[in-house]
N, C-alpha and C. Protein backbone atom coordinates (compact mmCIF):
# COMPACT_ATOMS: atom_id res chain seq x y z
N MET A 1 3.59 12.47 -2.22
CA MET A 1 3.04 13.77 -1.89
C MET A 1 2.68 13.74 -0.41
N CYS A 2 3.18 14.69 0.34
CA CYS A 2 2.90 14.81 1.76
C CYS A 2 2.15 16.12 1.99
N PHE A 3 1.00 16.01 2.61
CA PHE A 3 0.20 17.19 2.92
C PHE A 3 0.46 17.59 4.37
N VAL A 4 0.73 18.88 4.57
CA VAL A 4 1.10 19.40 5.88
C VAL A 4 0.23 20.61 6.17
N ASP A 5 -0.30 20.70 7.41
CA ASP A 5 -1.13 21.86 7.77
C ASP A 5 -0.39 22.84 8.68
N ASN A 6 0.90 22.62 8.88
CA ASN A 6 1.72 23.52 9.69
C ASN A 6 2.71 24.21 8.78
N GLN A 7 2.54 25.52 8.60
CA GLN A 7 3.36 26.23 7.62
C GLN A 7 4.83 26.33 8.02
N ALA A 8 5.13 26.39 9.32
CA ALA A 8 6.53 26.41 9.76
C ALA A 8 7.21 25.09 9.41
N LEU A 9 6.52 24.00 9.68
CA LEU A 9 7.07 22.68 9.34
C LEU A 9 7.19 22.53 7.82
N LEU A 10 6.20 22.99 7.09
CA LEU A 10 6.23 22.91 5.64
C LEU A 10 7.47 23.60 5.08
N GLY A 11 7.73 24.81 5.53
CA GLY A 11 8.92 25.54 5.06
C GLY A 11 10.20 24.83 5.43
N SER A 12 10.26 24.28 6.63
CA SER A 12 11.46 23.57 7.08
C SER A 12 11.68 22.30 6.27
N LEU A 13 10.61 21.56 6.02
CA LEU A 13 10.75 20.33 5.23
C LEU A 13 11.19 20.64 3.80
N ARG A 14 10.63 21.71 3.23
CA ARG A 14 11.02 22.08 1.86
C ARG A 14 12.48 22.50 1.79
N LYS A 15 12.96 23.22 2.82
CA LYS A 15 14.37 23.63 2.85
C LYS A 15 15.28 22.50 3.30
N GLY A 16 14.75 21.62 4.13
CA GLY A 16 15.55 20.52 4.67
C GLY A 16 16.30 20.90 5.93
N ARG A 17 15.97 22.04 6.49
CA ARG A 17 16.65 22.48 7.71
C ARG A 17 15.80 23.54 8.42
N SER A 18 16.19 23.80 9.67
CA SER A 18 15.52 24.83 10.45
C SER A 18 16.43 25.26 11.58
N SER A 19 16.32 26.51 11.99
CA SER A 19 17.09 26.98 13.15
C SER A 19 16.42 26.54 14.45
N ALA A 20 15.13 26.15 14.37
CA ALA A 20 14.41 25.65 15.54
C ALA A 20 14.80 24.19 15.75
N VAL A 21 15.29 23.87 16.93
CA VAL A 21 15.82 22.53 17.21
C VAL A 21 14.78 21.43 16.97
N ARG A 22 13.56 21.64 17.41
CA ARG A 22 12.52 20.61 17.25
C ARG A 22 12.20 20.37 15.78
N LEU A 23 12.12 21.45 14.99
CA LEU A 23 11.86 21.29 13.57
C LEU A 23 13.04 20.64 12.85
N LEU A 24 14.25 21.01 13.26
CA LEU A 24 15.44 20.41 12.67
C LEU A 24 15.45 18.90 12.91
N HIS A 25 15.07 18.48 14.11
CA HIS A 25 15.02 17.06 14.45
C HIS A 25 14.02 16.35 13.53
N ILE A 26 12.86 16.95 13.31
CA ILE A 26 11.85 16.36 12.43
C ILE A 26 12.38 16.28 11.00
N CYS A 27 13.01 17.35 10.53
CA CYS A 27 13.57 17.36 9.17
C CYS A 27 14.59 16.25 8.98
N ARG A 28 15.43 16.06 9.97
CA ARG A 28 16.46 15.02 9.87
C ARG A 28 15.85 13.63 9.86
N ARG A 29 14.83 13.41 10.69
CA ARG A 29 14.17 12.10 10.71
C ARG A 29 13.47 11.81 9.39
N VAL A 30 12.75 12.79 8.86
CA VAL A 30 12.05 12.61 7.59
C VAL A 30 13.07 12.34 6.48
N ALA A 31 14.15 13.11 6.46
CA ALA A 31 15.18 12.93 5.43
C ALA A 31 15.82 11.55 5.53
N ALA A 32 16.07 11.09 6.74
CA ALA A 32 16.68 9.77 6.93
C ALA A 32 15.76 8.67 6.40
N HIS A 33 14.48 8.76 6.72
CA HIS A 33 13.52 7.76 6.24
C HIS A 33 13.39 7.80 4.71
N ALA A 34 13.33 9.01 4.17
CA ALA A 34 13.20 9.15 2.71
C ALA A 34 14.44 8.60 2.01
N LEU A 35 15.61 8.88 2.56
CA LEU A 35 16.85 8.38 1.97
C LEU A 35 16.89 6.86 2.03
N PHE A 36 16.57 6.29 3.18
CA PHE A 36 16.58 4.84 3.35
C PHE A 36 15.61 4.17 2.39
N ALA A 37 14.42 4.74 2.22
CA ALA A 37 13.38 4.15 1.37
C ALA A 37 13.51 4.58 -0.09
N GLU A 38 14.52 5.39 -0.38
CA GLU A 38 14.74 5.90 -1.74
C GLU A 38 13.51 6.62 -2.28
N LEU A 39 12.96 7.51 -1.44
CA LEU A 39 11.78 8.29 -1.81
C LEU A 39 12.16 9.72 -2.12
N ARG A 40 11.45 10.31 -3.03
CA ARG A 40 11.56 11.74 -3.28
C ARG A 40 10.23 12.34 -2.84
N LEU A 41 10.27 13.10 -1.77
CA LEU A 41 9.04 13.63 -1.19
C LEU A 41 8.74 15.04 -1.69
N HIS A 42 7.47 15.31 -1.90
CA HIS A 42 6.98 16.64 -2.26
C HIS A 42 5.96 17.04 -1.21
N TYR A 43 6.01 18.28 -0.79
CA TYR A 43 5.15 18.75 0.30
C TYR A 43 4.19 19.81 -0.21
N ARG A 44 2.96 19.73 0.26
CA ARG A 44 1.93 20.72 -0.06
C ARG A 44 1.22 21.12 1.21
N TYR A 45 0.79 22.37 1.25
CA TYR A 45 0.00 22.87 2.37
C TYR A 45 -1.45 22.45 2.20
N VAL A 46 -2.08 22.03 3.28
CA VAL A 46 -3.51 21.74 3.30
C VAL A 46 -4.07 22.43 4.55
N PRO A 47 -5.15 23.18 4.42
CA PRO A 47 -5.74 23.82 5.60
C PRO A 47 -6.17 22.77 6.63
N SER A 48 -6.04 23.10 7.90
CA SER A 48 -6.37 22.16 8.98
C SER A 48 -7.78 21.61 8.85
N ALA A 49 -8.71 22.43 8.41
CA ALA A 49 -10.11 21.98 8.28
C ALA A 49 -10.25 20.86 7.26
N LEU A 50 -9.33 20.76 6.32
CA LEU A 50 -9.40 19.74 5.28
C LEU A 50 -8.41 18.59 5.53
N ASN A 51 -7.64 18.68 6.59
CA ASN A 51 -6.64 17.67 6.90
C ASN A 51 -7.29 16.53 7.67
N VAL A 52 -7.44 15.36 7.02
CA VAL A 52 -8.12 14.24 7.67
C VAL A 52 -7.32 13.69 8.85
N ALA A 53 -6.04 14.01 8.94
CA ALA A 53 -5.21 13.53 10.06
C ALA A 53 -5.18 14.52 11.22
N ASP A 54 -5.83 15.66 11.08
CA ASP A 54 -5.76 16.69 12.13
C ASP A 54 -6.40 16.25 13.44
N ALA A 55 -7.63 15.75 13.38
CA ALA A 55 -8.33 15.36 14.61
C ALA A 55 -7.58 14.25 15.37
N PRO A 56 -7.18 13.15 14.71
CA PRO A 56 -6.46 12.11 15.44
C PRO A 56 -5.14 12.60 16.06
N SER A 57 -4.48 13.55 15.39
CA SER A 57 -3.22 14.06 15.94
C SER A 57 -3.45 14.89 17.19
N ARG A 58 -4.69 15.31 17.43
CA ARG A 58 -5.05 16.08 18.62
C ARG A 58 -5.81 15.23 19.64
N GLY A 59 -5.84 13.89 19.40
CA GLY A 59 -6.51 12.99 20.33
C GLY A 59 -8.02 12.98 20.21
N LYS A 60 -8.55 13.45 19.07
CA LYS A 60 -9.99 13.49 18.85
C LYS A 60 -10.37 12.39 17.85
N PRO A 61 -11.64 11.99 17.83
CA PRO A 61 -12.07 10.98 16.84
C PRO A 61 -11.89 11.51 15.42
N SER A 62 -11.54 10.62 14.52
CA SER A 62 -11.32 10.99 13.13
C SER A 62 -12.63 11.38 12.46
N ALA A 63 -12.59 12.48 11.73
CA ALA A 63 -13.75 12.91 10.97
C ALA A 63 -13.71 12.32 9.56
N GLY A 64 -12.61 11.61 9.25
CA GLY A 64 -12.47 11.03 7.92
C GLY A 64 -12.48 12.12 6.87
N CYS A 65 -13.19 11.88 5.81
CA CYS A 65 -13.25 12.84 4.72
C CYS A 65 -14.54 13.64 4.76
N GLN A 66 -15.20 13.70 5.92
CA GLN A 66 -16.47 14.41 6.01
C GLN A 66 -16.33 15.88 5.68
N ALA A 67 -15.17 16.47 6.02
CA ALA A 67 -14.97 17.89 5.70
C ALA A 67 -15.04 18.11 4.20
N TRP A 68 -14.46 17.19 3.43
CA TRP A 68 -14.49 17.30 1.97
C TRP A 68 -15.89 17.03 1.45
N GLN A 69 -16.59 16.05 2.02
CA GLN A 69 -17.90 15.66 1.53
C GLN A 69 -18.96 16.73 1.73
N SER A 70 -18.80 17.56 2.75
CA SER A 70 -19.81 18.58 3.05
C SER A 70 -19.60 19.86 2.25
N MET A 71 -18.55 19.90 1.44
CA MET A 71 -18.23 21.12 0.70
C MET A 71 -18.89 21.12 -0.67
N THR A 72 -19.20 22.31 -1.15
CA THR A 72 -19.72 22.45 -2.51
C THR A 72 -18.56 22.32 -3.49
N THR A 73 -18.87 22.16 -4.75
CA THR A 73 -17.84 22.04 -5.78
C THR A 73 -16.96 23.29 -5.82
N ASP A 74 -17.56 24.45 -5.66
CA ASP A 74 -16.79 25.70 -5.66
C ASP A 74 -15.84 25.76 -4.47
N GLU A 75 -16.32 25.33 -3.30
CA GLU A 75 -15.47 25.33 -2.10
C GLU A 75 -14.29 24.38 -2.26
N VAL A 76 -14.53 23.21 -2.84
CA VAL A 76 -13.44 22.26 -3.08
C VAL A 76 -12.42 22.87 -4.03
N GLY A 77 -12.89 23.52 -5.09
CA GLY A 77 -11.99 24.17 -6.05
C GLY A 77 -11.15 25.24 -5.39
N GLU A 78 -11.77 26.04 -4.51
CA GLU A 78 -11.04 27.07 -3.80
C GLU A 78 -10.00 26.46 -2.87
N ALA A 79 -10.35 25.39 -2.17
CA ALA A 79 -9.43 24.72 -1.25
C ALA A 79 -8.26 24.12 -2.01
N GLU A 80 -8.54 23.50 -3.15
CA GLU A 80 -7.46 22.93 -3.98
C GLU A 80 -6.55 24.02 -4.50
N ALA A 81 -7.12 25.16 -4.88
CA ALA A 81 -6.31 26.27 -5.35
C ALA A 81 -5.41 26.80 -4.24
N GLU A 82 -5.95 26.86 -3.01
CA GLU A 82 -5.18 27.31 -1.86
C GLU A 82 -4.06 26.32 -1.57
N CYS A 83 -4.34 25.04 -1.70
CA CYS A 83 -3.32 24.02 -1.44
C CYS A 83 -2.20 24.07 -2.47
N ALA A 84 -2.52 24.48 -3.68
CA ALA A 84 -1.54 24.50 -4.76
C ALA A 84 -0.56 25.67 -4.62
N THR A 85 -0.85 26.65 -3.79
CA THR A 85 0.04 27.80 -3.66
C THR A 85 1.12 27.55 -2.66
């Protein structure tokens, strides 16, 4: 399961292609690695606020899972429901 917070990339990965050259390059690299490792990948959307990899990818210190820990049970349920769509 791969969680992605970029909806354009998510759509491209699910289709396996894109008309945007940069996204197509990413799709091909991911597909090559998955094929080599004999993996079947599934992609889900995760909001940036809940993506533990978001801060490090922007050169900021990792917040870890603090975003999840500060949420109420209802908020977690809503976020999971949003991720499932």
